Amino acid sequence: MIHGKEEMDDNNLQKPNVYNRYLPFYDSIQRQAYEKFDEIRMHLSRIIQLREIRPGFSIWSSKLQQFISLYGYYFTKADHLKLIDFYLSILSIDNLSLTNVQICFNLLQVLL
């Protein structure tokens, strides 16, 4: 899934990994990053819609952490704010397990 030209522009991204730019296959890295982020975003929203906190939340949150370590903040500011809001809203769920609370705080620390 390739986005429009305006979304493919690196100027709209928060802070992508600067070292990826020097790799010989940078164009495929860009496409792969957009596809992976769309997949992560889709599954995180599906988790909330289906109320499937367990085990999907921890799986897709770890995939988001891996994504950030590989590609940096390879998403727009609006997506960045939505992710922060998402993890803050997860913290407001009653009877949330300690493991999920730790996941939320770890990702909030990374995102903030």
PDB file of N, CA and C in Angstrom:
ATOM      1  N   MET A   1       0.850  -1.168   0.000  1.00  0.00           N
ATOM      2  CA  MET A   1       0.000   0.000   0.000  1.00  0.00           C
ATOM      3  C   MET A   1       0.899   1.235   0.000  1.00  0.00           C
ATOM      4  N   ILE A   2       0.950   1.927  -1.112  1.00  0.00           N
ATOM      5  CA  ILE A   2       1.776   3.122  -1.226  1.00  0.00           C
ATOM      6  C   ILE A   2       0.876   4.335  -1.111  1.00  0.00           C
ATOM      7  N   HIS A   3       1.305   5.287  -0.314  1.00  0.00           N
ATOM      8  CA  HIS A   3       0.527   6.504  -0.099  1.00  0.00           C
ATOM      9  C   HIS A   3       0.764   7.477  -1.242  1.00  0.00           C
ATOM     10  N   GLY A   4       0.014   8.580  -1.205  1.00  0.00           N
ATOM     11  CA  GLY A   4       0.172   9.618  -2.199  1.00  0.00           C
ATOM     12  C   GLY A   4       1.512  10.309  -2.073  1.00  0.00           C
ATOM     13  N   LYS A   5       1.836  11.140  -3.057  1.00  0.00           N
ATOM     14  CA  LYS A   5       3.127  11.831  -3.081  1.00  0.00           C
ATOM     15  C   LYS A   5       3.340  12.691  -1.848  1.00  0.00           C
ATOM     16  N   GLU A   6       2.282  13.341  -1.362  1.00  0.00           N
ATOM     17  CA  GLU A   6       2.447  14.227  -0.217  1.00  0.00           C
ATOM     18  C   GLU A   6       2.789  13.454   1.047  1.00  0.00           C
ATOM     19  N   GLU A   7       2.277  12.216   1.176  1.00  0.00           N
ATOM     20  CA  GLU A   7       2.592  11.426   2.358  1.00  0.00           C
ATOM     21  C   GLU A   7       3.947  10.748   2.229  1.00  0.00           C
ATOM     22  N   MET A   8       4.419  10.501   1.007  1.00  0.00           N
ATOM     23  CA  MET A   8       5.712   9.866   0.809  1.00  0.00           C
ATOM     24  C   MET A   8       6.855  10.850   1.034  1.00  0.00           C
ATOM     25  N   ASP A   9       6.554  12.127   1.113  1.00  0.00           N
ATOM     26  CA  ASP A   9       7.573  13.145   1.305  1.00  0.00           C
ATOM     27  C   ASP A   9       8.176  13.020   2.698  1.00  0.00           C
ATOM     28  N   ASP A  10       9.494  12.995   2.781  1.00  0.00           N
ATOM     29  CA  ASP A  10      10.169  12.863   4.070  1.00  0.00           C
ATOM     30  C   ASP A  10       9.988  14.086   4.954  1.00  0.00           C
ATOM     31  N   ASN A  11       9.569  15.212   4.393  1.00  0.00           N
ATOM     32  CA  ASN A  11       9.388  16.427   5.197  1.00  0.00           C
ATOM     33  C   ASN A  11       8.216  16.314   6.159  1.00  0.00           C
ATOM     34  N   ASN A  12       7.253  15.446   5.872  1.00  0.00           N
ATOM     35  CA  ASN A  12       6.089  15.280   6.741  1.00  0.00           C
ATOM     36  C   ASN A  12       6.362  14.349   7.911  1.00  0.00           C
ATOM     37  N   LEU A  13       7.456  13.616   7.861  1.00  0.00           N
ATOM     38  CA  LEU A  13       7.747  12.622   8.889  1.00  0.00           C
ATOM     39  C   LEU A  13       8.362  13.278  10.116  1.00  0.00           C
ATOM     40  N   GLN A  14       8.153  12.652  11.273  1.00  0.00           N
ATOM     41  CA  GLN A  14       8.671  13.193  12.522  1.00  0.00           C
ATOM     42  C   GLN A  14      10.196  13.159  12.549  1.00  0.00           C
ATOM     43  N   LYS A  15      10.769  11.984  12.715  1.00  0.00           N
ATOM     44  CA  LYS A  15      12.224  11.867  12.761  1.00  0.00           C
ATOM     45  C   LYS A  15      12.623  10.467  12.302  1.00  0.00           C
ATOM     46  N   PRO A  16      12.726  10.276  10.989  1.00  0.00           N
ATOM     47  CA  PRO A  16      13.117   8.957  10.504  1.00  0.00           C
ATOM     48  C   PRO A  16      14.578   8.669  10.833  1.00  0.00           C
ATOM     49  N   ASN A  17      14.937   7.401  10.793  1.00  0.00           N
ATOM     50  CA  ASN A  17      16.310   6.984  11.031  1.00  0.00           C
ATOM     51  C   ASN A  17      17.189   7.549   9.917  1.00  0.00           C
ATOM     52  N   VAL A  18      18.143   8.402  10.274  1.00  0.00           N
ATOM     53  CA  VAL A  18      18.957   9.088   9.269  1.00  0.00           C
ATOM     54  C   VAL A  18      19.901   8.142   8.541  1.00  0.00           C
ATOM     55  N   TYR A  19      20.250   7.034   9.141  1.00  0.00           N
ATOM     56  CA  TYR A  19      21.205   6.113   8.533  1.00  0.00           C
ATOM     57  C   TYR A  19      20.579   5.270   7.432  1.00  0.00           C
ATOM     58  N   ASN A  20      19.279   5.118   7.449  1.00  0.00           N
ATOM     59  CA  ASN A  20      18.621   4.359   6.383  1.00  0.00           C
ATOM     60  C   ASN A  20      18.779   5.042   5.033  1.00  0.00           C
ATOM     61  N   ARG A  21      18.931   6.340   5.038  1.00  0.00           N
ATOM     62  CA  ARG A  21      19.058   7.117   3.802  1.00  0.00           C
ATOM     63  C   ARG A  21      20.304   6.714   3.009  1.00  0.00           C
ATOM     64  N   TYR A  22      21.326   6.229   3.680  1.00  0.00           N
ATOM     65  CA  TYR A  22      22.591   5.898   3.018  1.00  0.00           C
ATOM     66  C   TYR A  22      22.659   4.456   2.529  1.00  0.00           C
ATOM     67  N   LEU A  23      21.627   3.704   2.760  1.00  0.00           N
ATOM     68  CA  LEU A  23      21.601   2.326   2.281  1.00  0.00           C
ATOM     69  C   LEU A  23      21.248   2.294   0.795  1.00  0.00           C
ATOM     70  N   PRO A  24      21.781   1.331   0.061  1.00  0.00           N
ATOM     71  CA  PRO A  24      21.533   1.308  -1.390  1.00  0.00           C
ATOM     72  C   PRO A  24      20.083   1.010  -1.766  1.00  0.00           C
ATOM     73  N   PHE A  25      19.312   0.462  -0.870  1.00  0.00           N
ATOM     74  CA  PHE A  25      17.922   0.111  -1.170  1.00  0.00           C
ATOM     75  C   PHE A  25      16.962   1.001  -0.377  1.00  0.00           C
ATOM     76  N   TYR A  26      17.269   2.277  -0.299  1.00  0.00           N
ATOM     77  CA  TYR A  26      16.489   3.230   0.495  1.00  0.00           C
ATOM     78  C   TYR A  26      15.040   3.332   0.024  1.00  0.00           C
ATOM     79  N   ASP A  27      14.802   3.265  -1.278  1.00  0.00           N
ATOM     80  CA  ASP A  27      13.425   3.367  -1.787  1.00  0.00           C
ATOM     81  C   ASP A  27      12.554   2.224  -1.286  1.00  0.00           C
ATOM     82  N   SER A  28      13.112   1.025  -1.275  1.00  0.00           N
ATOM     83  CA  SER A  28      12.325  -0.104  -0.775  1.00  0.00           C
ATOM     84  C   SER A  28      12.138  -0.011   0.738  1.00  0.00           C
ATOM     85  N   ILE A  29      13.088   0.579   1.439  1.00  0.00           N
ATOM     86  CA  ILE A  29      12.938   0.783   2.886  1.00  0.00           C
ATOM     87  C   ILE A  29      11.788   1.744   3.154  1.00  0.00           C
ATOM     88  N   GLN A  30      11.673   2.792   2.352  1.00  0.00           N
ATOM     89  CA  GLN A  30      10.565   3.739   2.512  1.00  0.00           C
ATOM     90  C   GLN A  30       9.222   3.042   2.337  1.00  0.00           C
ATOM     91  N   ARG A  31       9.078   2.282   1.275  1.00  0.00           N
ATOM     92  CA  ARG A  31       7.819   1.570   1.030  1.00  0.00           C
ATOM     93  C   ARG A  31       7.526   0.577   2.145  1.00  0.00           C
ATOM     94  N   GLN A  32       8.551  -0.141   2.555  1.00  0.00           N
ATOM     95  CA  GLN A  32       8.376  -1.137   3.605  1.00  0.00           C
ATOM     96  C   GLN A  32       7.976  -0.477   4.922  1.00  0.00           C
ATOM     97  N   ALA A  33       8.562   0.668   5.229  1.00  0.00           N
ATOM     98  CA  ALA A  33       8.228   1.372   6.469  1.00  0.00           C
ATOM     99  C   ALA A  33       6.775   1.824   6.458  1.00  0.00           C
ATOM    100  N   TYR A  34       6.316   2.377   5.342  1.00  0.00           N
ATOM    101  CA  TYR A  34       4.919   2.803   5.258  1.00  0.00           C
ATOM    102  C   TYR A  34       3.969   1.621   5.376  1.00  0.00           C
ATOM    103  N   GLU A  35       4.302   0.524   4.729  1.00  0.00           N
ATOM    104  CA  GLU A  35       3.440  -0.658   4.791  1.00  0.00           C
ATOM    105  C   GLU A  35       3.387  -1.225   6.202  1.00  0.00           C
ATOM    106  N   LYS A  36       4.537  -1.311   6.863  1.00  0.00           N
ATOM    107  CA  LYS A  36       4.565  -1.855   8.221  1.00  0.00           C
ATOM    108  C   LYS A  36       3.821  -0.953   9.190  1.00  0.00           C
ATOM    109  N   PHE A  37       3.996   0.370   9.045  1.00  0.00           N
ATOM    110  CA  PHE A  37       3.294   1.267   9.958  1.00  0.00           C
ATOM    111  C   PHE A  37       1.789   1.192   9.741  1.00  0.00           C
ATOM    112  N   ASP A  38       1.353   1.085   8.504  1.00  0.00           N
ATOM    113  CA  ASP A  38      -0.086   0.932   8.241  1.00  0.00           C
ATOM    114  C   ASP A  38      -0.624  -0.350   8.857  1.00  0.00           C
ATOM    115  N   GLU A  39       0.153  -1.422   8.760  1.00  0.00           N
ATOM    116  CA  GLU A  39      -0.271  -2.689   9.345  1.00  0.00           C
ATOM    117  C   GLU A  39      -0.360  -2.582  10.869  1.00  0.00           C
ATOM    118  N   ILE A  40       0.639  -1.975  11.491  1.00  0.00           N
ATOM    119  CA  ILE A  40       0.639  -1.811  12.950  1.00  0.00           C
ATOM    120  C   ILE A  40      -0.538  -0.949  13.381  1.00  0.00           C
ATOM    121  N   ARG A  41      -0.747   0.154  12.678  1.00  0.00           N
ATOM    122  CA  ARG A  41      -1.847   1.063  13.013  1.00  0.00           C
ATOM    123  C   ARG A  41      -3.200   0.373  12.865  1.00  0.00           C
ATOM    124  N   MET A  42      -3.357  -0.419  11.810  1.00  0.00           N
ATOM    125  CA  MET A  42      -4.613  -1.133  11.584  1.00  0.00           C
ATOM    126  C   MET A  42      -4.879  -2.131  12.710  1.00  0.00           C
ATOM    127  N   HIS A  43      -3.863  -2.883  13.087  1.00  0.00           N
ATOM    128  CA  HIS A  43      -4.054  -3.900  14.120  1.00  0.00           C
ATOM    129  C   HIS A  43      -4.262  -3.279  15.500  1.00  0.00           C
ATOM    130  N   LEU A  44      -3.598  -2.176  15.797  1.00  0.00           N
ATOM    131  CA  LEU A  44      -3.828  -1.516  17.088  1.00  0.00           C
ATOM    132  C   LEU A  44      -5.258  -0.994  17.182  1.00  0.00           C
ATOM    133  N   SER A  45      -5.785  -0.451  16.090  1.00  0.00           N
ATOM    134  CA  SER A  45      -7.174   0.026  16.128  1.00  0.00           C
ATOM    135  C   SER A  45      -8.150  -1.148  16.204  1.00  0.00           C
ATOM    136  N   ARG A  46      -7.814  -2.255  15.556  1.00  0.00           N
ATOM    137  CA  ARG A  46      -8.669  -3.442  15.604  1.00  0.00           C
ATOM    138  C   ARG A  46      -8.720  -4.026  17.016  1.00  0.00           C
ATOM    139  N   ILE A  47      -7.611  -3.932  17.730  1.00  0.00           N
ATOM    140  CA  ILE A  47      -7.561  -4.422  19.109  1.00  0.00           C
ATOM    141  C   ILE A  47      -8.596  -3.701  19.964  1.00  0.00           C
ATOM    142  N   ILE A  48      -8.695  -2.402  19.804  1.00  0.00           N
ATOM    143  CA  ILE A  48      -9.649  -1.619  20.590  1.00  0.00           C
ATOM    144  C   ILE A  48     -11.077  -1.908  20.137  1.00  0.00           C
ATOM    145  N   GLN A  49     -11.295  -1.986  18.835  1.00  0.00           N
ATOM    146  CA  GLN A  49     -12.640  -2.231  18.328  1.00  0.00           C
ATOM    147  C   GLN A  49     -13.186  -3.572  18.779  1.00  0.00           C
ATOM    148  N   LEU A  50     -12.331  -4.586  18.813  1.00  0.00           N
ATOM    149  CA  LEU A  50     -12.766  -5.926  19.207  1.00  0.00           C
ATOM    150  C   LEU A  50     -12.559  -6.203  20.691  1.00  0.00           C
ATOM    151  N   ARG A  51     -12.019  -5.228  21.413  1.00  0.00           N
ATOM    152  CA  ARG A  51     -11.705  -5.379  22.844  1.00  0.00           C
ATOM    153  C   ARG A  51     -10.832  -6.614  23.079  1.00  0.00           C
ATOM    154  N   GLU A  52      -9.848  -6.755  22.240  1.00  0.00           N
ATOM    155  CA  GLU A  52      -8.942  -7.895  22.287  1.00  0.00           C
ATOM    156  C   GLU A  52      -7.596  -7.448  22.870  1.00  0.00           C
ATOM    157  N   ILE A  53      -7.611  -7.073  24.125  1.00  0.00           N
ATOM    158  CA  ILE A  53      -6.390  -6.595  24.754  1.00  0.00           C
ATOM    159  C   ILE A  53      -5.370  -7.724  24.870  1.00  0.00           C
ATOM    160  N   ARG A  54      -5.863  -8.893  25.107  1.00  0.00           N
ATOM    161  CA  ARG A  54      -4.968 -10.010  25.314  1.00  0.00           C
ATOM    162  C   ARG A  54      -5.117 -10.996  24.179  1.00  0.00           C
ATOM    163  N   PRO A  55      -4.146 -11.415  23.489  1.00  0.00           N
ATOM    164  CA  PRO A  55      -2.723 -11.139  23.497  1.00  0.00           C
ATOM    165  C   PRO A  55      -2.308 -10.092  22.476  1.00  0.00           C
ATOM    166  N   GLY A  56      -3.273  -9.591  21.671  1.00  0.00           N
ATOM    167  CA  GLY A  56      -2.945  -8.699  20.563  1.00  0.00           C
ATOM    168  C   GLY A  56      -2.240  -7.422  20.953  1.00  0.00           C
ATOM    169  N   PHE A  57      -2.607  -6.853  22.095  1.00  0.00           N
ATOM    170  CA  PHE A  57      -2.027  -5.575  22.503  1.00  0.00           C
ATOM    171  C   PHE A  57      -0.521  -5.686  22.705  1.00  0.00           C
ATOM    172  N   SER A  58      -0.078  -6.700  23.406  1.00  0.00           N
ATOM    173  CA  SER A  58       1.361  -6.833  23.661  1.00  0.00           C
ATOM    174  C   SER A  58       2.126  -7.172  22.382  1.00  0.00           C
ATOM    175  N   ILE A  59       1.524  -7.962  21.514  1.00  0.00           N
ATOM    176  CA  ILE A  59       2.187  -8.337  20.261  1.00  0.00           C
ATOM    177  C   ILE A  59       2.398  -7.119  19.374  1.00  0.00           C
ATOM    178  N   TRP A  60       1.325  -6.344  19.152  1.00  0.00           N
ATOM    179  CA  TRP A  60       1.433  -5.213  18.233  1.00  0.00           C
ATOM    180  C   TRP A  60       2.156  -4.034  18.860  1.00  0.00           C
ATOM    181  N   SER A  61       2.162  -3.947  20.172  1.00  0.00           N
ATOM    182  CA  SER A  61       2.963  -2.912  20.820  1.00  0.00           C
ATOM    183  C   SER A  61       4.447  -3.225  20.679  1.00  0.00           C
ATOM    184  N   SER A  62       4.807  -4.498  20.773  1.00  0.00           N
ATOM    185  CA  SER A  62       6.218  -4.856  20.579  1.00  0.00           C
ATOM    186  C   SER A  62       6.629  -4.641  19.126  1.00  0.00           C
ATOM    187  N   LYS A  63       5.706  -4.878  18.194  1.00  0.00           N
ATOM    188  CA  LYS A  63       6.008  -4.603  16.786  1.00  0.00           C
ATOM    189  C   LYS A  63       6.195  -3.103  16.554  1.00  0.00           C
ATOM    190  N   LEU A  64       5.446  -2.270  17.277  1.00  0.00           N
ATOM    191  CA  LEU A  64       5.637  -0.825  17.173  1.00  0.00           C
ATOM    192  C   LEU A  64       7.001  -0.424  17.724  1.00  0.00           C
ATOM    193  N   GLN A  65       7.423  -1.019  18.833  1.00  0.00           N
ATOM    194  CA  GLN A  65       8.751  -0.724  19.373  1.00  0.00           C
ATOM    195  C   GLN A  65       9.843  -1.148  18.398  1.00  0.00           C
ATOM    196  N   GLN A  66       9.693  -2.302  17.777  1.00  0.00           N
ATOM    197  CA  GLN A  66      10.661  -2.750  16.777  1.00  0.00           C
ATOM    198  C   GLN A  66      10.683  -1.802  15.582  1.00  0.00           C
ATOM    199  N   PHE A  67       9.502  -1.355  15.169  1.00  0.00           N
ATOM    200  CA  PHE A  67       9.401  -0.423  14.053  1.00  0.00           C
ATOM    201  C   PHE A  67      10.157   0.869  14.360  1.00  0.00           C
ATOM    202  N   ILE A  68       9.970   1.405  15.561  1.00  0.00           N
ATOM    203  CA  ILE A  68      10.633   2.651  15.936  1.00  0.00           C
ATOM    204  C   ILE A  68      12.143   2.452  16.013  1.00  0.00           C
ATOM    205  N   SER A  69      12.589   1.301  16.492  1.00  0.00           N
ATOM    206  CA  SER A  69      14.034   1.079  16.564  1.00  0.00           C
ATOM    207  C   SER A  69      14.652   0.908  15.174  1.00  0.00           C
ATOM    208  N   LEU A  70      13.911   0.339  14.223  1.00  0.00           N
ATOM    209  CA  LEU A  70      14.442   0.159  12.870  1.00  0.00           C
ATOM    210  C   LEU A  70      14.340   1.413  12.011  1.00  0.00           C
ATOM    211  N   TYR A  71      13.185   2.061  12.047  1.00  0.00           N
ATOM    212  CA  TYR A  71      12.909   3.151  11.119  1.00  0.00           C
ATOM    213  C   TYR A  71      12.879   4.524  11.779  1.00  0.00           C
ATOM    214  N   GLY A  72      12.972   4.597  13.078  1.00  0.00           N
ATOM    215  CA  GLY A  72      12.824   5.868  13.766  1.00  0.00           C
ATOM    216  C   GLY A  72      11.354   6.260  13.820  1.00  0.00           C
ATOM    217  N   TYR A  73      11.096   7.533  13.985  1.00  0.00           N
ATOM    218  CA  TYR A  73       9.712   8.028  14.025  1.00  0.00           C
ATOM    219  C   TYR A  73       9.256   8.276  12.590  1.00  0.00           C
ATOM    220  N   TYR A  74       9.085   7.208  11.842  1.00  0.00           N
ATOM    221  CA  TYR A  74       8.763   7.269  10.423  1.00  0.00           C
ATOM    222  C   TYR A  74       7.261   7.385  10.221  1.00  0.00           C
ATOM    223  N   PHE A  75       6.671   8.387  10.878  1.00  0.00           N
ATOM    224  CA  PHE A  75       5.252   8.671  10.732  1.00  0.00           C
ATOM    225  C   PHE A  75       5.038  10.153  10.957  1.00  0.00           C
ATOM    226  N   THR A  76       3.855  10.628  10.589  1.00  0.00           N
ATOM    227  CA  THR A  76       3.567  12.056  10.664  1.00  0.00           C
ATOM    228  C   THR A  76       3.291  12.485  12.104  1.00  0.00           C
ATOM    229  N   LYS A  77       3.250  13.776  12.297  1.00  0.00           N
ATOM    230  CA  LYS A  77       2.967  14.316  13.626  1.00  0.00           C
ATOM    231  C   LYS A  77       1.568  13.926  14.083  1.00  0.00           C
ATOM    232  N   ALA A  78       0.613  13.925  13.165  1.00  0.00           N
ATOM    233  CA  ALA A  78      -0.759  13.532  13.516  1.00  0.00           C
ATOM    234  C   ALA A  78      -0.798  12.082  13.989  1.00  0.00           C
ATOM    235  N   ASP A  79      -0.074  11.199  13.299  1.00  0.00           N
ATOM    236  CA  ASP A  79      -0.014   9.800  13.729  1.00  0.00           C
ATOM    237  C   ASP A  79       0.686   9.667  15.071  1.00  0.00           C
ATOM    238  N   HIS A  80       1.713  10.467  15.284  1.00  0.00           N
ATOM    239  CA  HIS A  80       2.444  10.459  16.549  1.00  0.00           C
ATOM    240  C   HIS A  80       1.507  10.828  17.703  1.00  0.00           C
ATOM    241  N   LEU A  81       0.724  11.875  17.517  1.00  0.00           N
ATOM    242  CA  LEU A  81      -0.217  12.296  18.559  1.00  0.00           C
ATOM    243  C   LEU A  81      -1.318  11.259  18.774  1.00  0.00           C
ATOM    244  N   LYS A  82      -1.758  10.613  17.701  1.00  0.00           N
ATOM    245  CA  LYS A  82      -2.776   9.562  17.836  1.00  0.00           C
ATOM    246  C   LYS A  82      -2.239   8.371  18.617  1.00  0.00           C
ATOM    247  N   LEU A  83      -0.970   8.021  18.400  1.00  0.00           N
ATOM    248  CA  LEU A  83      -0.371   6.920  19.156  1.00  0.00           C
ATOM    249  C   LEU A  83      -0.274   7.255  20.640  1.00  0.00           C
ATOM    250  N   ILE A  84       0.117   8.481  20.951  1.00  0.00           N
ATOM    251  CA  ILE A  84       0.194   8.902  22.355  1.00  0.00           C
ATOM    252  C   ILE A  84      -1.189   8.856  22.984  1.00  0.00           C
ATOM    253  N   ASP A  85      -2.182   9.375  22.275  1.00  0.00           N
ATOM    254  CA  ASP A  85      -3.557   9.351  22.780  1.00  0.00           C
ATOM    255  C   ASP A  85      -4.057   7.918  22.947  1.00  0.00           C
ATOM    256  N   PHE A  86      -3.683   7.046  22.021  1.00  0.00           N
ATOM    257  CA  PHE A  86      -4.076   5.638  22.092  1.00  0.00           C
ATOM    258  C   PHE A  86      -3.555   4.990  23.370  1.00  0.00           C
ATOM    259  N   TYR A  87      -2.274   5.168  23.649  1.00  0.00           N
ATOM    260  CA  TYR A  87      -1.699   4.519  24.833  1.00  0.00           C
ATOM    261  C   TYR A  87      -2.192   5.160  26.127  1.00  0.00           C
ATOM    262  N   LEU A  88      -2.493   6.440  26.098  1.00  0.00           N
ATOM    263  CA  LEU A  88      -3.098   7.062  27.286  1.00  0.00           C
ATOM    264  C   LEU A  88      -4.507   6.527  27.515  1.00  0.00           C
ATOM    265  N   SER A  89      -5.250   6.294  26.444  1.00  0.00           N
ATOM    266  CA  SER A  89      -6.607   5.758  26.605  1.00  0.00           C
ATOM    267  C   SER A  89      -6.586   4.308  27.075  1.00  0.00           C
ATOM    268  N   ILE A  90      -5.577   3.550  26.686  1.00  0.00           N
ATOM    269  CA  ILE A  90      -5.453   2.168  27.170  1.00  0.00           C
ATOM    270  C   ILE A  90      -5.259   2.170  28.681  1.00  0.00           C
ATOM    271  N   LEU A  91      -4.520   3.142  29.192  1.00  0.00           N
ATOM    272  CA  LEU A  91      -4.276   3.206  30.636  1.00  0.00           C
ATOM    273  C   LEU A  91      -5.547   3.454  31.429  1.00  0.00           C
ATOM    274  N   SER A  92      -6.586   3.975  30.794  1.00  0.00           N
ATOM    275  CA  SER A  92      -7.832   4.261  31.507  1.00  0.00           C
ATOM    276  C   SER A  92      -8.768   3.054  31.592  1.00  0.00           C
ATOM    277  N   ILE A  93      -8.377   1.928  31.023  1.00  0.00           N
ATOM    278  CA  ILE A  93      -9.203   0.714  31.071  1.00  0.00           C
ATOM    279  C   ILE A  93      -9.168   0.141  32.480  1.00  0.00           C
ATOM    280  N   ASP A  94     -10.343  -0.219  32.984  1.00  0.00           N
ATOM    281  CA  ASP A  94     -10.424  -0.838  34.313  1.00  0.00           C
ATOM    282  C   ASP A  94      -9.814  -2.234  34.279  1.00  0.00           C
ATOM    283  N   ASN A  95      -9.219  -2.623  35.392  1.00  0.00           N
ATOM    284  CA  ASN A  95      -8.636  -3.958  35.575  1.00  0.00           C
ATOM    285  C   ASN A  95      -7.602  -4.302  34.503  1.00  0.00           C
ATOM    286  N   LEU A  96      -6.809  -3.336  34.126  1.00  0.00           N
ATOM    287  CA  LEU A  96      -5.733  -3.563  33.167  1.00  0.00           C
ATOM    288  C   LEU A  96      -4.584  -4.260  33.884  1.00  0.00           C
ATOM    289  N   SER A  97      -4.030  -5.279  33.275  1.00  0.00           N
ATOM    290  CA  SER A  97      -2.972  -6.044  33.934  1.00  0.00           C
ATOM    291  C   SER A  97      -1.699  -5.206  34.053  1.00  0.00           C
ATOM    292  N   LEU A  98      -0.872  -5.569  35.007  1.00  0.00           N
ATOM    293  CA  LEU A  98       0.379  -4.849  35.246  1.00  0.00           C
ATOM    294  C   LEU A  98       1.284  -4.895  34.021  1.00  0.00           C
ATOM    295  N   THR A  99       1.299  -6.006  33.335  1.00  0.00           N
ATOM    296  CA  THR A  99       2.123  -6.140  32.134  1.00  0.00           C
ATOM    297  C   THR A  99       1.704  -5.133  31.068  1.00  0.00           C
ATOM    298  N   ASN A 100       0.404  -4.990  30.854  1.00  0.00           N
ATOM    299  CA  ASN A 100      -0.085  -4.033  29.859  1.00  0.00           C
ATOM    300  C   ASN A 100       0.172  -2.598  30.289  1.00  0.00           C
ATOM    301  N   VAL A 101       0.110  -2.324  31.582  1.00  0.00           N
ATOM    302  CA  VAL A 101       0.434  -0.982  32.083  1.00  0.00           C
ATOM    303  C   VAL A 101       1.902  -0.677  31.811  1.00  0.00           C
ATOM    304  N   GLN A 102       2.780  -1.647  32.041  1.00  0.00           N
ATOM    305  CA  GLN A 102       4.202  -1.451  31.775  1.00  0.00           C
ATOM    306  C   GLN A 102       4.461  -1.222  30.290  1.00  0.00           C
ATOM    307  N   ILE A 103       3.762  -1.963  29.447  1.00  0.00           N
ATOM    308  CA  ILE A 103       3.898  -1.774  28.001  1.00  0.00           C
ATOM    309  C   ILE A 103       3.494  -0.354  27.618  1.00  0.00           C
ATOM    310  N   CYS A 104       2.371   0.117  28.167  1.00  0.00           N
ATOM    311  CA  CYS A 104       1.900   1.478  27.871  1.00  0.00           C
ATOM    312  C   CYS A 104       2.921   2.516  28.300  1.00  0.00           C
ATOM    313  N   PHE A 105       3.429   2.380  29.519  1.00  0.00           N
ATOM    314  CA  PHE A 105       4.389   3.366  30.007  1.00  0.00           C
ATOM    315  C   PHE A 105       5.700   3.322  29.223  1.00  0.00           C
ATOM    316  N   ASN A 106       6.147   2.136  28.845  1.00  0.00           N
ATOM    317  CA  ASN A 106       7.370   2.038  28.043  1.00  0.00           C
ATOM    318  C   ASN A 106       7.197   2.716  26.688  1.00  0.00           C
ATOM    319  N   LEU A 107       6.062   2.480  26.047  1.00  0.00           N
ATOM    320  CA  LEU A 107       5.840   3.105  24.749  1.00  0.00           C
ATOM    321  C   LEU A 107       5.592   4.601  24.872  1.00  0.00           C
ATOM    322  N   LEU A 108       4.929   5.019  25.930  1.00  0.00           N
ATOM    323  CA  LEU A 108       4.760   6.462  26.137  1.00  0.00           C
ATOM    324  C   LEU A 108       6.108   7.132  26.359  1.00  0.00           C
ATOM    325  N   GLN A 109       7.001   6.455  27.059  1.00  0.00           N
ATOM    326  CA  GLN A 109       8.340   7.004  27.265  1.00  0.00           C
ATOM    327  C   GLN A 109       9.075   7.133  25.929  1.00  0.00           C
ATOM    328  N   VAL A 110       8.921   6.151  25.066  1.00  0.00           N
ATOM    329  CA  VAL A 110       9.559   6.197  23.752  1.00  0.00           C
ATOM    330  C   VAL A 110       8.930   7.289  22.889  1.00  0.00           C
ATOM    331  N   LEU A 111       7.607   7.411  22.943  1.00  0.00           N
ATOM    332  CA  LEU A 111       6.909   8.370  22.087  1.00  0.00           C
ATOM    333  C   LEU A 111       7.033   9.807  22.570  1.00  0.00           C
ATOM    334  N   LEU A 112       7.181   9.981  23.872  1.00  0.00           N
ATOM    335  CA  LEU A 112       7.308  11.342  24.389  1.00  0.00           C
ATOM    336  C   LEU A 112       8.761  11.675  24.476  1.00  0.00           C
TER     337      LEU A 112
END
